[in-house]
Amino acid sequence: MSVTKPDNSENKAELWHKIKENSTTVLIALILALIIRVFIAEPRYIPSESMFPTLATGDRLVVEKVAYKFHPPNRGDIIVFQPPAQLRILGYEKNQAFIKRAIATEGETLAVKDGLVYVNDQPLAENYIAAPPKYELMPVTVPEGQLFVMGDNRNNSNDSHIWGFLPAENVIGHAVFRFWPLNRIGIVG
């Protein structure tokens, strides 16, 4: 009785085939992940208290990037954006994302008086803010292609009441879902 040795070339060919198959799968997964991050959604980290109590420092969010290709942000949306030119002049990097709530859109008039935010002379019902604003802002009308954004922590937010209007083209996306911490997981807004 003779024992035949397994053909080493068959084992190498099979191993090479598995490596190619697995490499192809990993490459496709990486390409899909990159496409999703660039065009569809991406994770973001909250670095400050400017959106407290809605968002806390350390929260991690999914930012959806498709909807605003079809329509502009709506009042009340929590948006992520690149800093406008007036903030880049002060040293903020173009890729340093901000997150705020859209308070007024193009053509709307906004004012802050007596601790209330008014849009088109109507006070906003803002049950999401940390405290009423302790500042006044004379009426301003949002120009075409611009937004007026504010943090929910009105008195501790570097936002439009300080630096002016946000070009809509700077908007990256809409914060839609908090995935961290686990005890606060859920829809944002």
N, C-alpha and C. Protein backbone atom coordinates (compact mmCIF):
# COMPACT_ATOMS: atom_id res chain seq x y z
N MET A 1 0.84 -1.17 0.00
CA MET A 1 0.00 0.00 0.00
C MET A 1 0.89 1.23 0.00
N SER A 2 0.61 2.12 -0.92
CA SER A 2 1.43 3.32 -1.00
C SER A 2 0.60 4.53 -0.61
N VAL A 3 1.24 5.43 0.02
CA VAL A 3 0.59 6.68 0.45
C VAL A 3 1.06 7.78 -0.49
N THR A 4 0.11 8.49 -1.05
CA THR A 4 0.50 9.59 -1.93
C THR A 4 0.51 10.90 -1.14
N LYS A 5 1.51 11.64 -1.41
CA LYS A 5 1.63 12.95 -0.77
C LYS A 5 0.68 13.92 -1.45
N PRO A 6 0.07 14.80 -0.67
CA PRO A 6 -0.78 15.81 -1.30
C PRO A 6 0.08 16.70 -2.19
N ASP A 7 -0.50 17.08 -3.30
CA ASP A 7 0.20 17.92 -4.24
C ASP A 7 0.33 19.32 -3.65
N ASN A 8 1.56 19.73 -3.41
CA ASN A 8 1.83 21.03 -2.79
C ASN A 8 1.36 22.18 -3.65
N SER A 9 1.40 22.01 -4.96
CA SER A 9 0.98 23.09 -5.84
C SER A 9 -0.53 23.32 -5.74
N GLU A 10 -1.31 22.25 -5.49
CA GLU A 10 -2.76 22.40 -5.31
C GLU A 10 -3.06 23.19 -4.04
N ASN A 11 -2.34 22.89 -2.96
CA ASN A 11 -2.53 23.61 -1.69
C ASN A 11 -2.18 25.09 -1.84
N LYS A 12 -1.10 25.37 -2.55
CA LYS A 12 -0.71 26.77 -2.75
C LYS A 12 -1.74 27.50 -3.60
N ALA A 13 -2.25 26.83 -4.63
CA ALA A 13 -3.25 27.45 -5.50
C ALA A 13 -4.53 27.73 -4.72
N GLU A 14 -4.93 26.77 -3.88
CA GLU A 14 -6.13 26.95 -3.07
C GLU A 14 -5.95 28.09 -2.06
N LEU A 15 -4.78 28.13 -1.43
CA LEU A 15 -4.47 29.19 -0.47
C LEU A 15 -4.47 30.55 -1.18
N TRP A 16 -3.83 30.61 -2.34
CA TRP A 16 -3.78 31.87 -3.09
C TRP A 16 -5.19 32.32 -3.49
N HIS A 17 -6.04 31.39 -3.89
CA HIS A 17 -7.42 31.70 -4.26
C HIS A 17 -8.18 32.28 -3.05
N LYS A 18 -8.01 31.71 -1.88
CA LYS A 18 -8.67 32.21 -0.67
C LYS A 18 -8.16 33.60 -0.30
N ILE A 19 -6.87 33.81 -0.44
CA ILE A 19 -6.30 35.13 -0.14
C ILE A 19 -6.87 36.18 -1.08
N LYS A 20 -6.91 35.86 -2.37
CA LYS A 20 -7.48 36.79 -3.36
C LYS A 20 -8.95 37.08 -3.07
N GLU A 21 -9.70 36.05 -2.74
CA GLU A 21 -11.13 36.20 -2.44
C GLU A 21 -11.35 37.09 -1.22
N ASN A 22 -10.59 36.82 -0.16
CA ASN A 22 -10.71 37.63 1.06
C ASN A 22 -10.24 39.06 0.84
N SER A 23 -9.17 39.22 0.07
CA SER A 23 -8.67 40.57 -0.22
C SER A 23 -9.69 41.36 -1.02
N THR A 24 -10.34 40.72 -1.97
CA THR A 24 -11.37 41.37 -2.77
C THR A 24 -12.53 41.80 -1.88
N THR A 25 -12.94 40.95 -0.98
CA THR A 25 -14.03 41.28 -0.06
C THR A 25 -13.67 42.47 0.82
N VAL A 26 -12.46 42.49 1.36
CA VAL A 26 -12.01 43.59 2.21
C VAL A 26 -11.93 44.88 1.38
N LEU A 27 -11.41 44.81 0.18
CA LEU A 27 -11.30 45.99 -0.67
C LEU A 27 -12.68 46.57 -1.00
N ILE A 28 -13.62 45.73 -1.34
CA ILE A 28 -14.99 46.18 -1.64
C ILE A 28 -15.60 46.83 -0.40
N ALA A 29 -15.40 46.22 0.77
CA ALA A 29 -15.94 46.78 2.02
C ALA A 29 -15.34 48.16 2.29
N LEU A 30 -14.03 48.31 2.07
CA LEU A 30 -13.38 49.60 2.30
C LEU A 30 -13.90 50.66 1.32
N ILE A 31 -14.07 50.29 0.08
CA ILE A 31 -14.58 51.23 -0.92
C ILE A 31 -16.01 51.66 -0.57
N LEU A 32 -16.85 50.69 -0.19
CA LEU A 32 -18.22 51.02 0.21
C LEU A 32 -18.24 51.93 1.44
N ALA A 33 -17.39 51.65 2.42
CA ALA A 33 -17.32 52.48 3.63
C ALA A 33 -16.90 53.91 3.27
N LEU A 34 -15.95 54.04 2.36
CA LEU A 34 -15.49 55.36 1.94
C LEU A 34 -16.61 56.11 1.21
N ILE A 35 -17.31 55.43 0.31
CA ILE A 35 -18.42 56.06 -0.42
C ILE A 35 -19.51 56.50 0.55
N ILE A 36 -19.85 55.64 1.50
CA ILE A 36 -20.88 55.99 2.49
C ILE A 36 -20.44 57.21 3.29
N ARG A 37 -19.19 57.23 3.75
CA ARG A 37 -18.72 58.35 4.57
C ARG A 37 -18.66 59.66 3.78
N VAL A 38 -18.22 59.60 2.54
CA VAL A 38 -18.08 60.82 1.76
C VAL A 38 -19.43 61.37 1.29
N PHE A 39 -20.35 60.49 0.87
CA PHE A 39 -21.56 60.96 0.22
C PHE A 39 -22.86 60.75 1.00
N ILE A 40 -22.91 59.84 1.96
CA ILE A 40 -24.19 59.47 2.56
C ILE A 40 -24.29 59.83 4.04
N ALA A 41 -23.37 59.35 4.85
CA ALA A 41 -23.44 59.60 6.30
C ALA A 41 -22.04 59.44 6.90
N GLU A 42 -21.84 60.13 8.01
CA GLU A 42 -20.56 60.00 8.70
C GLU A 42 -20.75 60.20 10.19
N PRO A 43 -19.86 59.63 10.98
CA PRO A 43 -19.95 59.83 12.43
C PRO A 43 -19.30 61.16 12.82
N ARG A 44 -19.81 61.77 13.87
CA ARG A 44 -19.25 63.01 14.40
C ARG A 44 -19.25 62.96 15.92
N TYR A 45 -18.30 63.67 16.52
CA TYR A 45 -18.10 63.75 17.96
C TYR A 45 -18.44 65.16 18.42
N ILE A 46 -19.14 65.31 19.54
CA ILE A 46 -19.48 66.61 20.09
C ILE A 46 -18.38 67.05 21.06
N PRO A 47 -17.63 68.12 20.71
CA PRO A 47 -16.49 68.52 21.55
C PRO A 47 -16.79 69.57 22.60
N SER A 48 -17.99 70.18 22.58
CA SER A 48 -18.25 71.29 23.51
C SER A 48 -19.68 71.24 24.05
N GLU A 49 -19.97 72.18 24.94
CA GLU A 49 -21.29 72.27 25.58
C GLU A 49 -22.24 73.20 24.83
N SER A 50 -21.90 73.65 23.63
CA SER A 50 -22.71 74.66 22.95
C SER A 50 -24.11 74.17 22.57
N MET A 51 -24.32 72.86 22.49
CA MET A 51 -25.64 72.33 22.14
C MET A 51 -26.34 71.67 23.33
N PHE A 52 -25.79 71.87 24.54
CA PHE A 52 -26.41 71.32 25.74
C PHE A 52 -27.74 72.03 25.99
N PRO A 53 -28.78 71.38 26.39
CA PRO A 53 -28.91 70.01 26.86
C PRO A 53 -29.25 68.97 25.77
N THR A 54 -29.46 69.42 24.53
CA THR A 54 -29.81 68.47 23.47
C THR A 54 -28.68 67.49 23.22
N LEU A 55 -27.45 68.01 23.14
CA LEU A 55 -26.26 67.19 22.93
C LEU A 55 -25.24 67.52 24.01
N ALA A 56 -24.58 66.50 24.50
CA ALA A 56 -23.59 66.69 25.55
C ALA A 56 -22.18 66.45 25.00
N THR A 57 -21.20 67.03 25.65
CA THR A 57 -19.82 66.78 25.27
C THR A 57 -19.56 65.28 25.30
N GLY A 58 -18.97 64.77 24.22
CA GLY A 58 -18.68 63.35 24.13
C GLY A 58 -19.72 62.54 23.38
N ASP A 59 -20.90 63.11 23.13
CA ASP A 59 -21.90 62.39 22.33
C ASP A 59 -21.32 62.11 20.95
N ARG A 60 -21.72 60.98 20.39
CA ARG A 60 -21.31 60.63 19.02
C ARG A 60 -22.57 60.46 18.18
N LEU A 61 -22.54 61.08 17.00
CA LEU A 61 -23.72 61.17 16.16
C LEU A 61 -23.47 60.63 14.77
N VAL A 62 -24.56 60.28 14.11
CA VAL A 62 -24.53 60.00 12.68
C VAL A 62 -25.07 61.25 12.00
N VAL A 63 -24.30 61.76 11.05
CA VAL A 63 -24.70 62.94 10.28
C VAL A 63 -25.07 62.49 8.88
N GLU A 64 -26.31 62.69 8.52
CA GLU A 64 -26.84 62.32 7.20
C GLU A 64 -26.51 63.44 6.22
N LYS A 65 -25.98 63.07 5.03
CA LYS A 65 -25.47 64.07 4.10
C LYS A 65 -26.23 64.15 2.77
N VAL A 66 -27.32 63.41 2.61
CA VAL A 66 -28.00 63.35 1.33
C VAL A 66 -29.15 64.35 1.22
N ALA A 67 -29.97 64.48 2.24
CA ALA A 67 -31.22 65.27 2.17
C ALA A 67 -30.99 66.69 1.69
N TYR A 68 -29.92 67.34 2.15
CA TYR A 68 -29.70 68.74 1.80
C TYR A 68 -29.21 68.92 0.36
N LYS A 69 -29.00 67.85 -0.35
CA LYS A 69 -28.72 67.93 -1.79
C LYS A 69 -30.03 68.24 -2.53
N PHE A 70 -31.17 67.93 -1.89
CA PHE A 70 -32.48 68.09 -2.53
C PHE A 70 -33.30 69.26 -1.98
N HIS A 71 -33.01 69.66 -0.74
CA HIS A 71 -33.72 70.80 -0.15
C HIS A 71 -32.82 71.44 0.90
N PRO A 72 -33.02 72.72 1.16
CA PRO A 72 -32.20 73.40 2.18
C PRO A 72 -32.60 72.97 3.58
N PRO A 73 -31.76 73.25 4.56
CA PRO A 73 -32.12 72.95 5.95
C PRO A 73 -33.40 73.67 6.36
N ASN A 74 -34.15 73.04 7.22
CA ASN A 74 -35.38 73.62 7.77
C ASN A 74 -35.08 74.25 9.12
N ARG A 75 -35.91 75.21 9.50
CA ARG A 75 -35.77 75.78 10.83
C ARG A 75 -35.93 74.66 11.85
N GLY A 76 -35.03 74.62 12.82
CA GLY A 76 -35.07 73.60 13.87
C GLY A 76 -34.13 72.43 13.62
N ASP A 77 -33.66 72.25 12.38
CA ASP A 77 -32.72 71.16 12.10
C ASP A 77 -31.40 71.39 12.84
N ILE A 78 -30.83 70.32 13.34
CA ILE A 78 -29.49 70.38 13.92
C ILE A 78 -28.53 70.04 12.80
N ILE A 79 -27.69 71.02 12.45
CA ILE A 79 -26.83 70.86 11.28
C ILE A 79 -25.35 70.89 11.67
N VAL A 80 -24.57 70.20 10.87
CA VAL A 80 -23.11 70.20 10.99
C VAL A 80 -22.60 70.98 9.78
N PHE A 81 -21.62 71.87 10.02
CA PHE A 81 -21.14 72.72 8.93
C PHE A 81 -19.68 73.08 9.10
N GLN A 82 -19.08 73.46 7.98
CA GLN A 82 -17.72 74.01 8.00
C GLN A 82 -17.81 75.45 8.44
N PRO A 83 -16.83 75.94 9.19
CA PRO A 83 -16.90 77.32 9.67
C PRO A 83 -16.89 78.30 8.50
N PRO A 84 -17.70 79.36 8.60
CA PRO A 84 -17.71 80.38 7.54
C PRO A 84 -16.40 81.18 7.54
N ALA A 85 -16.22 81.99 6.51
CA ALA A 85 -14.98 82.76 6.34
C ALA A 85 -14.65 83.60 7.58
N GLN A 86 -15.67 84.21 8.21
CA GLN A 86 -15.40 85.07 9.36
C GLN A 86 -14.78 84.29 10.52
N LEU A 87 -15.04 82.99 10.63
CA LEU A 87 -14.40 82.18 11.67
C LEU A 87 -13.03 81.68 11.22
N ARG A 88 -12.86 81.43 9.94
CA ARG A 88 -11.54 80.99 9.44
C ARG A 88 -10.52 82.12 9.61
N ILE A 89 -10.97 83.36 9.48
CA ILE A 89 -10.09 84.50 9.71
C ILE A 89 -9.58 84.49 11.15
N LEU A 90 -10.42 84.01 12.07
CA LEU A 90 -10.04 83.96 13.49
C LEU A 90 -9.21 82.72 13.84
N GLY A 91 -8.91 81.88 12.83
CA GLY A 91 -8.03 80.74 13.07
C GLY A 91 -8.67 79.37 13.04
N TYR A 92 -9.97 79.30 12.85
CA TYR A 92 -10.62 77.99 12.75
C TYR A 92 -10.29 77.38 11.39
N GLU A 93 -10.01 76.09 11.39
CA GLU A 93 -9.68 75.38 10.16
C GLU A 93 -10.94 75.10 9.36
N LYS A 94 -10.82 75.05 8.03
CA LYS A 94 -11.98 74.79 7.17
C LYS A 94 -12.61 73.43 7.48
N ASN A 95 -11.79 72.45 7.83
CA ASN A 95 -12.31 71.10 8.10
C ASN A 95 -12.76 70.90 9.55
N GLN A 96 -12.73 71.96 10.35
CA GLN A 96 -13.16 71.90 11.75
C GLN A 96 -14.67 72.12 11.80
N ALA A 97 -15.43 71.04 11.93
CA ALA A 97 -16.89 71.12 11.85
C ALA A 97 -17.50 71.73 13.11
N PHE A 98 -18.58 72.48 12.90
CA PHE A 98 -19.40 73.04 13.97
C PHE A 98 -20.75 72.35 13.92
N ILE A 99 -21.46 72.37 15.03
CA ILE A 99 -22.83 71.85 15.06
C ILE A 99 -23.71 72.84 15.80
N LYS A 100 -24.80 73.24 15.16
CA LYS A 100 -25.75 74.20 15.74
C LYS A 100 -27.14 73.88 15.21
N ARG A 101 -28.12 74.61 15.71
CA ARG A 101 -29.50 74.46 15.26
C ARG A 101 -29.82 75.60 14.28
N ALA A 102 -30.43 75.28 13.15
CA ALA A 102 -30.89 76.30 12.21
C ALA A 102 -32.09 77.00 12.84
N ILE A 103 -31.97 78.30 13.04
CA ILE A 103 -33.02 79.07 13.71
C ILE A 103 -33.84 79.89 12.72
N ALA A 104 -33.18 80.42 11.69
CA ALA A 104 -33.88 81.19 10.67
C ALA A 104 -33.24 80.89 9.32
N THR A 105 -34.08 80.85 8.30
CA THR A 105 -33.61 80.56 6.94
C THR A 105 -33.76 81.81 6.08
N GLU A 106 -33.29 81.72 4.85
CA GLU A 106 -33.27 82.92 3.99
C GLU A 106 -34.64 83.60 3.92
N GLY A 107 -34.58 84.93 4.02
CA GLY A 107 -35.80 85.73 3.95
C GLY A 107 -36.50 85.93 5.28
N GLU A 108 -36.14 85.17 6.30
CA GLU A 108 -36.78 85.32 7.61
C GLU A 108 -36.05 86.39 8.42
N THR A 109 -36.79 87.06 9.28
CA THR A 109 -36.22 88.09 10.15
C THR A 109 -36.16 87.56 11.57
N LEU A 110 -34.99 87.71 12.17
CA LEU A 110 -34.74 87.18 13.51
C LEU A 110 -34.37 88.31 14.44
N ALA A 111 -34.81 88.21 15.69
CA ALA A 111 -34.42 89.16 16.74
C ALA A 111 -34.38 88.40 18.06
N VAL A 112 -33.60 88.91 19.00
CA VAL A 112 -33.56 88.36 20.36
C VAL A 112 -33.83 89.53 21.31
N LYS A 113 -34.89 89.38 22.12
CA LYS A 113 -35.20 90.44 23.10
C LYS A 113 -35.94 89.82 24.29
N ASP A 114 -35.64 90.34 25.45
CA ASP A 114 -36.28 89.91 26.69
C ASP A 114 -36.22 88.39 26.90
N GLY A 115 -35.08 87.79 26.53
CA GLY A 115 -34.88 86.36 26.75
C GLY A 115 -35.59 85.46 25.76
N LEU A 116 -36.13 86.00 24.68
CA LEU A 116 -36.83 85.21 23.67
C LEU A 116 -36.23 85.43 22.30
N VAL A 117 -36.26 84.39 21.48
CA VAL A 117 -35.86 84.49 20.08
C VAL A 117 -37.13 84.64 19.25
N TYR A 118 -37.15 85.64 18.40
CA TYR A 118 -38.30 85.90 17.54
C TYR A 118 -37.89 85.65 16.09
N VAL A 119 -38.74 84.95 15.36
CA VAL A 119 -38.58 84.80 13.92
C VAL A 119 -39.85 85.32 13.28
N ASN A 120 -39.67 86.31 12.40
CA ASN A 120 -40.81 86.98 11.76
C ASN A 120 -41.81 87.48 12.80
N ASP A 121 -41.26 88.11 13.85
CA ASP A 121 -42.04 88.72 14.93
C ASP A 121 -42.81 87.73 15.80
N GLN A 122 -42.56 86.44 15.64
CA GLN A 122 -43.22 85.41 16.46
C GLN A 122 -42.19 84.77 17.39
N PRO A 123 -42.44 84.72 18.69
CA PRO A 123 -41.48 84.07 19.60
C PRO A 123 -41.43 82.56 19.33
N LEU A 124 -40.21 82.03 19.35
CA LEU A 124 -40.05 80.58 19.17
C LEU A 124 -40.33 79.86 20.48
N ALA A 125 -41.04 78.75 20.41
CA ALA A 125 -41.22 77.88 21.58
C ALA A 125 -39.98 76.99 21.62
N GLU A 126 -39.09 77.26 22.55
CA GLU A 126 -37.81 76.56 22.58
C GLU A 126 -37.66 75.75 23.87
N ASN A 127 -38.30 74.62 23.93
CA ASN A 127 -38.20 73.76 25.12
C ASN A 127 -36.88 72.99 25.16
N TYR A 128 -36.03 73.18 24.17
CA TYR A 128 -34.77 72.45 24.07
C TYR A 128 -33.56 73.25 24.54
N ILE A 129 -33.72 74.51 24.93
CA ILE A 129 -32.56 75.33 25.29
C ILE A 129 -32.18 75.15 26.76
N ALA A 130 -30.91 75.44 27.06
CA ALA A 130 -30.41 75.34 28.44
C ALA A 130 -30.98 76.46 29.30
N ALA A 131 -31.02 77.67 28.74
CA ALA A 131 -31.54 78.85 29.46
C ALA A 131 -31.85 79.93 28.42
N PRO A 132 -32.75 80.84 28.76
CA PRO A 132 -33.06 81.92 27.82
C PRO A 132 -31.80 82.76 27.55
N PRO A 133 -31.69 83.31 26.34
CA PRO A 133 -30.52 84.15 26.04
C PRO A 133 -30.49 85.39 26.92
N LYS A 134 -29.29 85.72 27.39
CA LYS A 134 -29.10 86.89 28.25
C LYS A 134 -28.56 88.06 27.43
N TYR A 135 -28.84 88.07 26.16
CA TYR A 135 -28.38 89.14 25.28
C TYR A 135 -29.53 89.56 24.38
N GLU A 136 -29.36 90.72 23.78
CA GLU A 136 -30.35 91.25 22.84
C GLU A 136 -29.71 91.25 21.44
N LEU A 137 -30.56 91.11 20.43
CA LEU A 137 -30.10 91.18 19.05
C LEU A 137 -31.17 91.92 18.25
N MET A 138 -30.76 93.01 17.66
CA MET A 138 -31.69 93.80 16.84
C MET A 138 -32.14 92.95 15.66
N PRO A 139 -33.31 93.22 15.10
CA PRO A 139 -33.81 92.42 13.97
C PRO A 139 -32.84 92.41 12.78
N VAL A 140 -32.61 91.21 12.26
CA VAL A 140 -31.79 91.01 11.07
C VAL A 140 -32.54 90.08 10.13
N THR A 141 -32.46 90.35 8.85
CA THR A 141 -33.10 89.49 7.85
C THR A 141 -32.03 88.62 7.21
N VAL A 142 -32.29 87.32 7.18
CA VAL A 142 -31.33 86.36 6.65
C VAL A 142 -31.28 86.50 5.13
N PRO A 143 -30.08 86.78 4.58
CA PRO A 143 -29.95 86.92 3.13
C PRO A 143 -30.15 85.59 2.39
N GLU A 144 -30.36 85.70 1.08
CA GLU A 144 -30.52 84.52 0.23
C GLU A 144 -29.28 83.64 0.33
N GLY A 145 -29.51 82.33 0.42
CA GLY A 145 -28.40 81.38 0.48
C GLY A 145 -27.70 81.32 1.83
N GLN A 146 -28.31 81.89 2.86
CA GLN A 146 -27.69 81.95 4.19
C GLN A 146 -28.64 81.35 5.23
N LEU A 147 -28.08 81.07 6.40
CA LEU A 147 -28.84 80.58 7.55
C LEU A 147 -28.41 81.37 8.79
N PHE A 148 -29.26 81.40 9.78
CA PHE A 148 -28.90 81.93 11.10
C PHE A 148 -28.94 80.74 12.03
N VAL A 149 -27.81 80.41 12.65
CA VAL A 149 -27.71 79.21 13.50
C VAL A 149 -27.35 79.61 14.92
N MET A 150 -27.86 78.82 15.89
CA MET A 150 -27.57 79.07 17.30
C MET A 150 -27.40 77.74 18.02
N GLY A 151 -26.55 77.76 19.05
CA GLY A 151 -26.44 76.61 19.91
C GLY A 151 -27.60 76.58 20.89
N ASP A 152 -27.99 75.39 21.34
CA ASP A 152 -29.07 75.28 22.32
C ASP A 152 -28.66 75.82 23.69
N ASN A 153 -27.38 75.89 23.94
CA ASN A 153 -26.85 76.50 25.15
C ASN A 153 -26.60 77.97 24.80
N ARG A 154 -27.69 78.72 24.66
CA ARG A 154 -27.69 80.07 24.10
C ARG A 154 -26.60 80.99 24.65
N ASN A 155 -26.32 80.89 25.93
CA ASN A 155 -25.37 81.82 26.56
C ASN A 155 -23.94 81.30 26.55
N ASN A 156 -23.71 80.15 25.95
CA ASN A 156 -22.37 79.58 25.87
C ASN A 156 -22.17 78.94 24.49
N SER A 157 -22.42 79.72 23.45
CA SER A 157 -22.33 79.18 22.09
C SER A 157 -21.73 80.21 21.14
N ASN A 158 -20.71 79.80 20.42
CA ASN A 158 -20.09 80.62 19.38
C ASN A 158 -20.91 80.40 18.12
N ASP A 159 -21.90 81.28 17.89
CA ASP A 159 -22.85 81.04 16.80
C ASP A 159 -23.15 82.33 16.04
N SER A 160 -24.20 82.30 15.24
CA SER A 160 -24.54 83.44 14.37
C SER A 160 -24.78 84.74 15.11
N HIS A 161 -25.19 84.69 16.37
CA HIS A 161 -25.40 85.95 17.09
C HIS A 161 -24.07 86.66 17.34
N ILE A 162 -22.97 85.94 17.20
CA ILE A 162 -21.63 86.51 17.37
C ILE A 162 -20.98 86.81 16.02
N TRP A 163 -20.99 85.84 15.12
CA TRP A 163 -20.22 85.97 13.86
C TRP A 163 -21.05 86.15 12.60
N GLY A 164 -22.35 86.13 12.69
CA GLY A 164 -23.16 86.44 11.51
C GLY A 164 -23.76 85.22 10.83
N PHE A 165 -24.12 85.40 9.59
CA PHE A 165 -24.85 84.38 8.84
C PHE A 165 -23.93 83.26 8.37
N LEU A 166 -24.54 82.10 8.19
CA LEU A 166 -23.83 80.91 7.70
C LEU A 166 -24.23 80.67 6.25
N PRO A 167 -23.26 80.62 5.32
CA PRO A 167 -23.60 80.25 3.95
C PRO A 167 -24.13 78.82 3.91
N ALA A 168 -25.27 78.62 3.26
CA ALA A 168 -25.86 77.28 3.18
C ALA A 168 -24.90 76.29 2.54
N GLU A 169 -24.01 76.76 1.67
CA GLU A 169 -23.05 75.86 1.02
C GLU A 169 -22.05 75.25 2.00
N ASN A 170 -21.94 75.82 3.19
CA ASN A 170 -21.02 75.27 4.21
C ASN A 170 -21.61 74.09 4.97
N VAL A 171 -22.90 73.83 4.79
CA VAL A 171 -23.56 72.76 5.53
C VAL A 171 -23.06 71.41 5.02
N ILE A 172 -22.63 70.57 5.96
CA ILE A 172 -22.16 69.21 5.66
C ILE A 172 -23.34 68.24 5.70
N GLY A 173 -24.19 68.40 6.71
CA GLY A 173 -25.31 67.47 6.84
C GLY A 173 -26.16 67.74 8.06
N HIS A 174 -27.05 66.82 8.30
CA HIS A 174 -28.09 66.91 9.33
C HIS A 174 -27.81 65.85 10.39
N ALA A 175 -27.66 66.26 11.63
CA ALA A 175 -27.46 65.30 12.73
C ALA A 175 -28.78 64.56 12.96
N VAL A 176 -28.75 63.23 12.82
CA VAL A 176 -30.01 62.48 12.90
C VAL A 176 -30.07 61.44 14.01
N PHE A 177 -28.92 60.90 14.41
CA PHE A 177 -28.97 59.77 15.35
C PHE A 177 -27.76 59.80 16.27
N ARG A 178 -28.01 59.65 17.58
CA ARG A 178 -26.92 59.55 18.58
C ARG A 178 -26.68 58.07 18.84
N PHE A 179 -25.44 57.61 18.65
CA PHE A 179 -25.13 56.21 18.89
C PHE A 179 -24.24 56.00 20.11
N TRP A 180 -23.81 57.10 20.74
CA TRP A 180 -23.00 57.00 21.96
C TRP A 180 -23.22 58.24 22.78
N PRO A 181 -23.36 58.12 24.07
CA PRO A 181 -23.30 56.92 24.92
C PRO A 181 -24.57 56.08 24.78
N LEU A 182 -24.43 54.83 25.12
CA LEU A 182 -25.52 53.88 24.93
C LEU A 182 -26.80 54.27 25.70
N ASN A 183 -26.63 54.88 26.87
CA ASN A 183 -27.82 55.25 27.65
C ASN A 183 -28.57 56.45 27.06
N ARG A 184 -28.01 57.09 26.02
CA ARG A 184 -28.67 58.23 25.36
C ARG A 184 -28.88 57.96 23.87
N ILE A 185 -28.78 56.71 23.47
CA ILE A 185 -28.93 56.34 22.06
C ILE A 185 -30.31 56.72 21.55
N GLY A 186 -30.37 57.21 20.31
CA GLY A 186 -31.68 57.53 19.74
C GLY A 186 -31.63 58.67 18.74
N ILE A 187 -32.79 59.02 18.25
CA ILE A 187 -32.95 60.10 17.27
C ILE A 187 -32.58 61.44 17.90
N VAL A 188 -31.89 62.29 17.14
CA VAL A 188 -31.47 63.63 17.61
C VAL A 188 -32.50 64.64 17.12
N GLY A 189 -32.81 65.59 17.96
CA GLY A 189 -33.70 66.67 17.51
C GLY A 189 -34.82 66.83 18.43
